[in-house]
PDB file of N, CA and C in Angstrom:
ATOM      1  N   UNK A   1      40.262  28.420  63.033  1.00  0.00           N
ATOM      2  CA  UNK A   1      40.530  27.080  63.499  1.00  0.00           C
ATOM      3  C   UNK A   1      39.926  26.103  62.507  1.00  0.00           C
ATOM      4  N   UNK A   2      40.662  25.065  62.202  1.00  0.00           N
ATOM      5  CA  UNK A   2      40.171  24.032  61.289  1.00  0.00           C
ATOM      6  C   UNK A   2      39.429  22.955  62.081  1.00  0.00           C
ATOM      7  N   UNK A   3      38.727  22.096  61.369  1.00  0.00           N
ATOM      8  CA  UNK A   3      38.020  20.984  62.000  1.00  0.00           C
ATOM      9  C   UNK A   3      39.001  20.053  62.710  1.00  0.00           C
ATOM     10  N   UNK A   4      40.156  19.826  62.111  1.00  0.00           N
ATOM     11  CA  UNK A   4      41.176  18.968  62.721  1.00  0.00           C
ATOM     12  C   UNK A   4      41.685  19.559  64.024  1.00  0.00           C
ATOM     13  N   UNK A   5      41.931  20.859  64.023  1.00  0.00           N
ATOM     14  CA  UNK A   5      42.395  21.528  65.248  1.00  0.00           C
ATOM     15  C   UNK A   5      41.336  21.481  66.336  1.00  0.00           C
ATOM     16  N   UNK A   6      40.081  21.727  65.962  1.00  0.00           N
ATOM     17  CA  UNK A   6      39.005  21.687  66.949  1.00  0.00           C
ATOM     18  C   UNK A   6      38.829  20.275  67.499  1.00  0.00           C
ATOM     19  N   UNK A   7      38.934  19.284  66.648  1.00  0.00           N
ATOM     20  CA  UNK A   7      38.832  17.895  67.109  1.00  0.00           C
ATOM     21  C   UNK A   7      39.920  17.604  68.137  1.00  0.00           C
ATOM     22  N   UNK A   8      41.126  18.089  67.907  1.00  0.00           N
ATOM     23  CA  UNK A   8      42.222  17.918  68.866  1.00  0.00           C
ATOM     24  C   UNK A   8      41.908  18.600  70.190  1.00  0.00           C
ATOM     25  N   UNK A   9      41.304  19.783  70.140  1.00  0.00           N
ATOM     26  CA  UNK A   9      40.911  20.498  71.362  1.00  0.00           C
ATOM     27  C   UNK A   9      39.890  19.674  72.140  1.00  0.00           C
ATOM     28  N   UNK A  10      38.903  19.132  71.450  1.00  0.00           N
ATOM     29  CA  UNK A  10      37.870  18.326  72.112  1.00  0.00           C
ATOM     30  C   UNK A  10      38.482  17.071  72.726  1.00  0.00           C
ATOM     31  N   UNK A  11      39.362  16.410  71.989  1.00  0.00           N
ATOM     32  CA  UNK A  11      40.028  15.198  72.484  1.00  0.00           C
ATOM     33  C   UNK A  11      40.809  15.495  73.763  1.00  0.00           C
ATOM     34  N   UNK A  12      41.602  16.554  73.748  1.00  0.00           N
ATOM     35  CA  UNK A  12      42.389  16.917  74.947  1.00  0.00           C
ATOM     36  C   UNK A  12      41.485  17.255  76.120  1.00  0.00           C
ATOM     37  N   UNK A  13      40.402  17.961  75.851  1.00  0.00           N
ATOM     38  CA  UNK A  13      39.442  18.310  76.896  1.00  0.00           C
ATOM     39  C   UNK A  13      38.858  17.045  77.531  1.00  0.00           C
ATOM     40  N   UNK A  14      38.438  16.107  76.714  1.00  0.00           N
ATOM     41  CA  UNK A  14      37.838  14.865  77.215  1.00  0.00           C
ATOM     42  C   UNK A  14      38.845  14.012  77.976  1.00  0.00           C
ATOM     43  N   UNK A  15      40.053  13.894  77.449  1.00  0.00           N
ATOM     44  CA  UNK A  15      41.079  13.089  78.116  1.00  0.00           C
ATOM     45  C   UNK A  15      41.437  13.687  79.469  1.00  0.00           C
ATOM     46  N   UNK A  16      41.532  14.995  79.531  1.00  0.00           N
ATOM     47  CA  UNK A  16      41.865  15.653  80.793  1.00  0.00           C
ATOM     48  C   UNK A  16      40.725  15.507  81.807  1.00  0.00           C
ATOM     49  N   UNK A  17      39.507  15.670  81.360  1.00  0.00           N
ATOM     50  CA  UNK A  17      38.350  15.622  82.255  1.00  0.00           C
ATOM     51  C   UNK A  17      37.982  14.207  82.689  1.00  0.00           C
ATOM     52  N   UNK A  18      38.212  13.222  81.809  1.00  0.00           N
ATOM     53  CA  UNK A  18      37.709  11.869  82.063  1.00  0.00           C
ATOM     54  C   UNK A  18      38.767  10.784  82.085  1.00  0.00           C
ATOM     55  N   UNK A  19      39.993  11.113  81.713  1.00  0.00           N
ATOM     56  CA  UNK A  19      41.012  10.080  81.614  1.00  0.00           C
ATOM     57  C   UNK A  19      40.754   9.195  80.410  1.00  0.00           C
ATOM     58  N   UNK A  20      41.450   8.095  80.343  1.00  0.00           N
ATOM     59  CA  UNK A  20      41.221   7.136  79.274  1.00  0.00           C
ATOM     60  C   UNK A  20      42.084   7.316  78.049  1.00  0.00           C
ATOM     61  N   UNK A  21      42.820   8.379  77.948  1.00  0.00           N
ATOM     62  CA  UNK A  21      43.728   8.562  76.831  1.00  0.00           C
ATOM     63  C   UNK A  21      43.082   9.156  75.603  1.00  0.00           C
ATOM     64  N   UNK A  22      43.912   9.725  74.762  1.00  0.00           N
ATOM     65  CA  UNK A  22      43.403  10.431  73.588  1.00  0.00           C
ATOM     66  C   UNK A  22      42.882   9.499  72.500  1.00  0.00           C
ATOM     67  N   UNK A  23      43.423   8.301  72.396  1.00  0.00           N
ATOM     68  CA  UNK A  23      42.944   7.366  71.362  1.00  0.00           C
ATOM     69  C   UNK A  23      41.487   7.007  71.609  1.00  0.00           C
ATOM     70  N   UNK A  24      41.154   6.745  72.872  1.00  0.00           N
ATOM     71  CA  UNK A  24      39.768   6.409  73.240  1.00  0.00           C
ATOM     72  C   UNK A  24      38.818   7.522  72.817  1.00  0.00           C
ATOM     73  N   UNK A  25      39.173   8.761  73.124  1.00  0.00           N
ATOM     74  CA  UNK A  25      38.268   9.882  72.864  1.00  0.00           C
ATOM     75  C   UNK A  25      38.244  10.257  71.390  1.00  0.00           C
ATOM     76  N   UNK A  26      39.359  10.110  70.692  1.00  0.00           N
ATOM     77  CA  UNK A  26      39.383  10.380  69.253  1.00  0.00           C
ATOM     78  C   UNK A  26      38.432   9.412  68.540  1.00  0.00           C
ATOM     79  N   UNK A  27      38.431   8.166  68.981  1.00  0.00           N
ATOM     80  CA  UNK A  27      37.542   7.163  68.406  1.00  0.00           C
ATOM     81  C   UNK A  27      36.073   7.482  68.721  1.00  0.00           C
ATOM     82  N   UNK A  28      35.805   7.919  69.946  1.00  0.00           N
ATOM     83  CA  UNK A  28      34.433   8.239  70.359  1.00  0.00           C
ATOM     84  C   UNK A  28      33.882   9.457  69.609  1.00  0.00           C
ATOM     85  N   UNK A  29      34.748  10.413  69.300  1.00  0.00           N
ATOM     86  CA  UNK A  29      34.310  11.624  68.601  1.00  0.00           C
ATOM     87  C   UNK A  29      34.079  11.355  67.123  1.00  0.00           C
ATOM     88  N   UNK A  30      34.975  10.614  66.506  1.00  0.00           N
ATOM     89  CA  UNK A  30      34.901  10.429  65.059  1.00  0.00           C
ATOM     90  C   UNK A  30      35.339  11.701  64.359  1.00  0.00           C
ATOM     91  N   UNK A  31      34.947  11.866  63.131  1.00  0.00           N
ATOM     92  CA  UNK A  31      35.312  13.054  62.358  1.00  0.00           C
ATOM     93  C   UNK A  31      34.285  14.161  62.583  1.00  0.00           C
ATOM     94  N   UNK A  32      34.743  15.390  62.593  1.00  0.00           N
ATOM     95  CA  UNK A  32      33.835  16.522  62.656  1.00  0.00           C
ATOM     96  C   UNK A  32      33.208  16.725  61.293  1.00  0.00           C
ATOM     97  N   UNK A  33      31.925  16.956  61.292  1.00  0.00           N
ATOM     98  CA  UNK A  33      31.198  17.267  60.059  1.00  0.00           C
ATOM     99  C   UNK A  33      31.121  18.783  59.956  1.00  0.00           C
ATOM    100  N   UNK A  34      31.583  19.339  58.848  1.00  0.00           N
ATOM    101  CA  UNK A  34      31.581  20.780  58.645  1.00  0.00           C
ATOM    102  C   UNK A  34      30.526  21.125  57.597  1.00  0.00           C
ATOM    103  N   UNK A  35      29.695  22.111  57.919  1.00  0.00           N
ATOM    104  CA  UNK A  35      28.606  22.542  57.044  1.00  0.00           C
ATOM    105  C   UNK A  35      28.882  23.938  56.496  1.00  0.00           C
ATOM    106  N   UNK A  36      28.178  24.299  55.484  1.00  0.00           N
ATOM    107  CA  UNK A  36      28.283  25.623  54.883  1.00  0.00           C
ATOM    108  C   UNK A  36      27.696  26.677  55.824  1.00  0.00           C
ATOM    109  N   UNK A  37      28.316  27.838  55.878  1.00  0.00           N
ATOM    110  CA  UNK A  37      27.796  28.932  56.696  1.00  0.00           C
ATOM    111  C   UNK A  37      26.480  29.472  56.158  1.00  0.00           C
ATOM    112  N   UNK A  38      26.199  29.249  54.887  1.00  0.00           N
ATOM    113  CA  UNK A  38      24.932  29.730  54.329  1.00  0.00           C
ATOM    114  C   UNK A  38      23.744  28.934  54.843  1.00  0.00           C
ATOM    115  N   UNK A  39      23.960  27.690  55.197  1.00  0.00           N
ATOM    116  CA  UNK A  39      22.869  26.864  55.716  1.00  0.00           C
ATOM    117  C   UNK A  39      22.922  26.687  57.233  1.00  0.00           C
ATOM    118  N   UNK A  40      24.056  26.985  57.831  1.00  0.00           N
ATOM    119  CA  UNK A  40      24.228  26.825  59.282  1.00  0.00           C
ATOM    120  C   UNK A  40      24.865  28.097  59.847  1.00  0.00           C
ATOM    121  N   UNK A  41      24.052  29.101  60.032  1.00  0.00           N
ATOM    122  CA  UNK A  41      24.545  30.429  60.395  1.00  0.00           C
ATOM    123  C   UNK A  41      25.002  30.546  61.844  1.00  0.00           C
ATOM    124  N   UNK A  42      24.570  29.650  62.718  1.00  0.00           N
ATOM    125  CA  UNK A  42      24.923  29.763  64.133  1.00  0.00           C
ATOM    126  C   UNK A  42      26.102  28.886  64.531  1.00  0.00           C
ATOM    127  N   UNK A  43      26.280  27.785  63.851  1.00  0.00           N
ATOM    128  CA  UNK A  43      27.382  26.865  64.123  1.00  0.00           C
ATOM    129  C   UNK A  43      27.524  25.956  62.908  1.00  0.00           C
ATOM    130  N   UNK A  44      28.732  25.848  62.380  1.00  0.00           N
ATOM    131  CA  UNK A  44      28.878  25.107  61.124  1.00  0.00           C
ATOM    132  C   UNK A  44      29.554  23.749  61.279  1.00  0.00           C
ATOM    133  N   UNK A  45      29.551  23.183  62.489  1.00  0.00           N
ATOM    134  CA  UNK A  45      30.163  21.870  62.662  1.00  0.00           C
ATOM    135  C   UNK A  45      29.356  21.023  63.628  1.00  0.00           C
ATOM    136  N   UNK A  46      29.559  19.720  63.548  1.00  0.00           N
ATOM    137  CA  UNK A  46      28.865  18.779  64.419  1.00  0.00           C
ATOM    138  C   UNK A  46      29.678  17.496  64.496  1.00  0.00           C
ATOM    139  N   UNK A  47      29.392  16.693  65.490  1.00  0.00           N
ATOM    140  CA  UNK A  47      30.008  15.373  65.632  1.00  0.00           C
ATOM    141  C   UNK A  47      28.908  14.336  65.782  1.00  0.00           C
ATOM    142  N   UNK A  48      29.254  13.099  65.490  1.00  0.00           N
ATOM    143  CA  UNK A  48      28.355  11.955  65.664  1.00  0.00           C
ATOM    144  C   UNK A  48      29.086  10.958  66.558  1.00  0.00           C
ATOM    145  N   UNK A  49      28.992  11.142  67.885  1.00  0.00           N
ATOM    146  CA  UNK A  49      29.770  10.294  68.784  1.00  0.00           C
ATOM    147  C   UNK A  49      29.335   8.831  68.739  1.00  0.00           C
ATOM    148  N   UNK A  50      30.290   7.953  69.042  1.00  0.00           N
ATOM    149  CA  UNK A  50      30.030   6.527  69.135  1.00  0.00           C
ATOM    150  C   UNK A  50      30.681   6.022  70.415  1.00  0.00           C
ATOM    151  N   UNK A  51      30.390   4.803  70.771  1.00  0.00           N
ATOM    152  CA  UNK A  51      30.993   4.206  71.952  1.00  0.00           C
ATOM    153  C   UNK A  51      29.947   3.885  72.994  1.00  0.00           C
ATOM    154  N   UNK A  52      30.377   3.837  74.233  1.00  0.00           N
ATOM    155  CA  UNK A  52      29.461   3.534  75.328  1.00  0.00           C
ATOM    156  C   UNK A  52      28.552   4.731  75.588  1.00  0.00           C
ATOM    157  N   UNK A  53      27.509   4.497  76.364  1.00  0.00           N
ATOM    158  CA  UNK A  53      26.605   5.593  76.724  1.00  0.00           C
ATOM    159  C   UNK A  53      27.366   6.686  77.467  1.00  0.00           C
ATOM    160  N   UNK A  54      28.290   6.303  78.340  1.00  0.00           N
ATOM    161  CA  UNK A  54      29.099   7.278  79.077  1.00  0.00           C
ATOM    162  C   UNK A  54      29.945   8.107  78.132  1.00  0.00           C
ATOM    163  N   UNK A  55      30.627   7.448  77.188  1.00  0.00           N
ATOM    164  CA  UNK A  55      31.479   8.165  76.243  1.00  0.00           C
ATOM    165  C   UNK A  55      30.673   9.134  75.391  1.00  0.00           C
ATOM    166  N   UNK A  56      29.544   8.673  74.884  1.00  0.00           N
ATOM    167  CA  UNK A  56      28.718   9.539  74.050  1.00  0.00           C
ATOM    168  C   UNK A  56      28.195  10.727  74.854  1.00  0.00           C
ATOM    169  N   UNK A  57      27.804  10.514  76.100  1.00  0.00           N
ATOM    170  CA  UNK A  57      27.344  11.600  76.955  1.00  0.00           C
ATOM    171  C   UNK A  57      28.453  12.616  77.194  1.00  0.00           C
ATOM    172  N   UNK A  58      29.642  12.145  77.478  1.00  0.00           N
ATOM    173  CA  UNK A  58      30.763  13.046  77.734  1.00  0.00           C
ATOM    174  C   UNK A  58      31.149  13.834  76.485  1.00  0.00           C
ATOM    175  N   UNK A  59      31.101  13.188  75.332  1.00  0.00           N
ATOM    176  CA  UNK A  59      31.395  13.893  74.081  1.00  0.00           C
ATOM    177  C   UNK A  59      30.356  14.987  73.852  1.00  0.00           C
ATOM    178  N   UNK A  60      29.075  14.671  74.022  1.00  0.00           N
ATOM    179  CA  UNK A  60      28.022  15.665  73.819  1.00  0.00           C
ATOM    180  C   UNK A  60      28.176  16.846  74.776  1.00  0.00           C
ATOM    181  N   UNK A  61      28.523  16.574  76.023  1.00  0.00           N
ATOM    182  CA  UNK A  61      28.730  17.653  76.993  1.00  0.00           C
ATOM    183  C   UNK A  61      29.912  18.535  76.594  1.00  0.00           C
ATOM    184  N   UNK A  62      30.994  17.914  76.165  1.00  0.00           N
ATOM    185  CA  UNK A  62      32.168  18.679  75.743  1.00  0.00           C
ATOM    186  C   UNK A  62      31.852  19.517  74.512  1.00  0.00           C
ATOM    187  N   UNK A  63      31.136  18.927  73.575  1.00  0.00           N
ATOM    188  CA  UNK A  63      30.773  19.641  72.353  1.00  0.00           C
ATOM    189  C   UNK A  63      29.887  20.843  72.687  1.00  0.00           C
ATOM    190  N   UNK A  64      28.922  20.663  73.564  1.00  0.00           N
ATOM    191  CA  UNK A  64      28.050  21.775  73.954  1.00  0.00           C
ATOM    192  C   UNK A  64      28.859  22.918  74.562  1.00  0.00           C
ATOM    193  N   UNK A  65      29.813  22.595  75.414  1.00  0.00           N
ATOM    194  CA  UNK A  65      30.632  23.620  76.062  1.00  0.00           C
ATOM    195  C   UNK A  65      31.563  24.304  75.062  1.00  0.00           C
ATOM    196  N   UNK A  66      32.200  23.525  74.212  1.00  0.00           N
ATOM    197  CA  UNK A  66      33.176  24.088  73.282  1.00  0.00           C
ATOM    198  C   UNK A  66      32.533  24.794  72.093  1.00  0.00           C
ATOM    199  N   UNK A  67      31.311  24.428  71.782  1.00  0.00           N
ATOM    200  CA  UNK A  67      30.610  25.085  70.678  1.00  0.00           C
ATOM    201  C   UNK A  67      30.391  26.577  70.982  1.00  0.00           C
ATOM    202  N   UNK A  68      30.233  26.901  72.256  1.00  0.00           N
ATOM    203  CA  UNK A  68      30.070  28.307  72.633  1.00  0.00           C
ATOM    204  C   UNK A  68      31.335  29.114  72.343  1.00  0.00           C
ATOM    205  N   UNK A  69      32.487  28.499  72.540  1.00  0.00           N
ATOM    206  CA  UNK A  69      33.765  29.179  72.300  1.00  0.00           C
ATOM    207  C   UNK A  69      34.187  29.128  70.833  1.00  0.00           C
ATOM    208  N   UNK A  70      33.794  28.062  70.150  1.00  0.00           N
ATOM    209  CA  UNK A  70      34.229  27.842  68.764  1.00  0.00           C
ATOM    210  C   UNK A  70      33.035  27.442  67.889  1.00  0.00           C
ATOM    211  N   UNK A  71      32.158  28.401  67.584  1.00  0.00           N
ATOM    212  CA  UNK A  71      30.971  28.032  66.800  1.00  0.00           C
ATOM    213  C   UNK A  71      31.279  27.750  65.332  1.00  0.00           C
ATOM    214  N   UNK A  72      32.394  28.262  64.838  1.00  0.00           N
ATOM    215  CA  UNK A  72      32.701  28.096  63.417  1.00  0.00           C
ATOM    216  C   UNK A  72      34.100  27.540  63.222  1.00  0.00           C
ATOM    217  N   UNK A  73      34.235  26.682  62.228  1.00  0.00           N
ATOM    218  CA  UNK A  73      35.554  26.178  61.826  1.00  0.00           C
ATOM    219  C   UNK A  73      35.716  26.447  60.341  1.00  0.00           C
ATOM    220  N   UNK A  74      36.985  26.528  59.915  1.00  0.00           N
ATOM    221  CA  UNK A  74      37.272  26.670  58.492  1.00  0.00           C
ATOM    222  C   UNK A  74      36.864  25.391  57.775  1.00  0.00           C
ATOM    223  N   UNK A  75      36.472  25.528  56.551  1.00  0.00           N
ATOM    224  CA  UNK A  75      36.046  24.348  55.794  1.00  0.00           C
ATOM    225  C   UNK A  75      37.192  23.463  55.385  1.00  0.00           C
ATOM    226  N   UNK A  76      38.439  23.921  55.567  1.00  0.00           N
ATOM    227  CA  UNK A  76      39.604  23.076  55.294  1.00  0.00           C
ATOM    228  C   UNK A  76      39.653  21.921  56.264  1.00  0.00           C
ATOM    229  N   UNK A  77      40.644  21.079  56.153  1.00  0.00           N
ATOM    230  CA  UNK A  77      40.755  19.900  57.011  1.00  0.00           C
ATOM    231  C   UNK A  77      40.914  20.384  58.404  1.00  0.00           C
TER     232      UNK A  77
END
């Protein structure tokens, strides 16, 4: 799975769970940051959420849940 694909999964998860549409959640998530597996052996991606306190909390919760299923992404887009 690429970072772009995972971002789409997170966006759909948030929109389904919280409403508000995919544009709102795509903006709150921002871009996924992908790290090298040599320096991040347990999970090679992260997000830096923005928006309201509620949006940032929901993004962090979704990321925590989805990180268990998708700890690694391809370094491609």
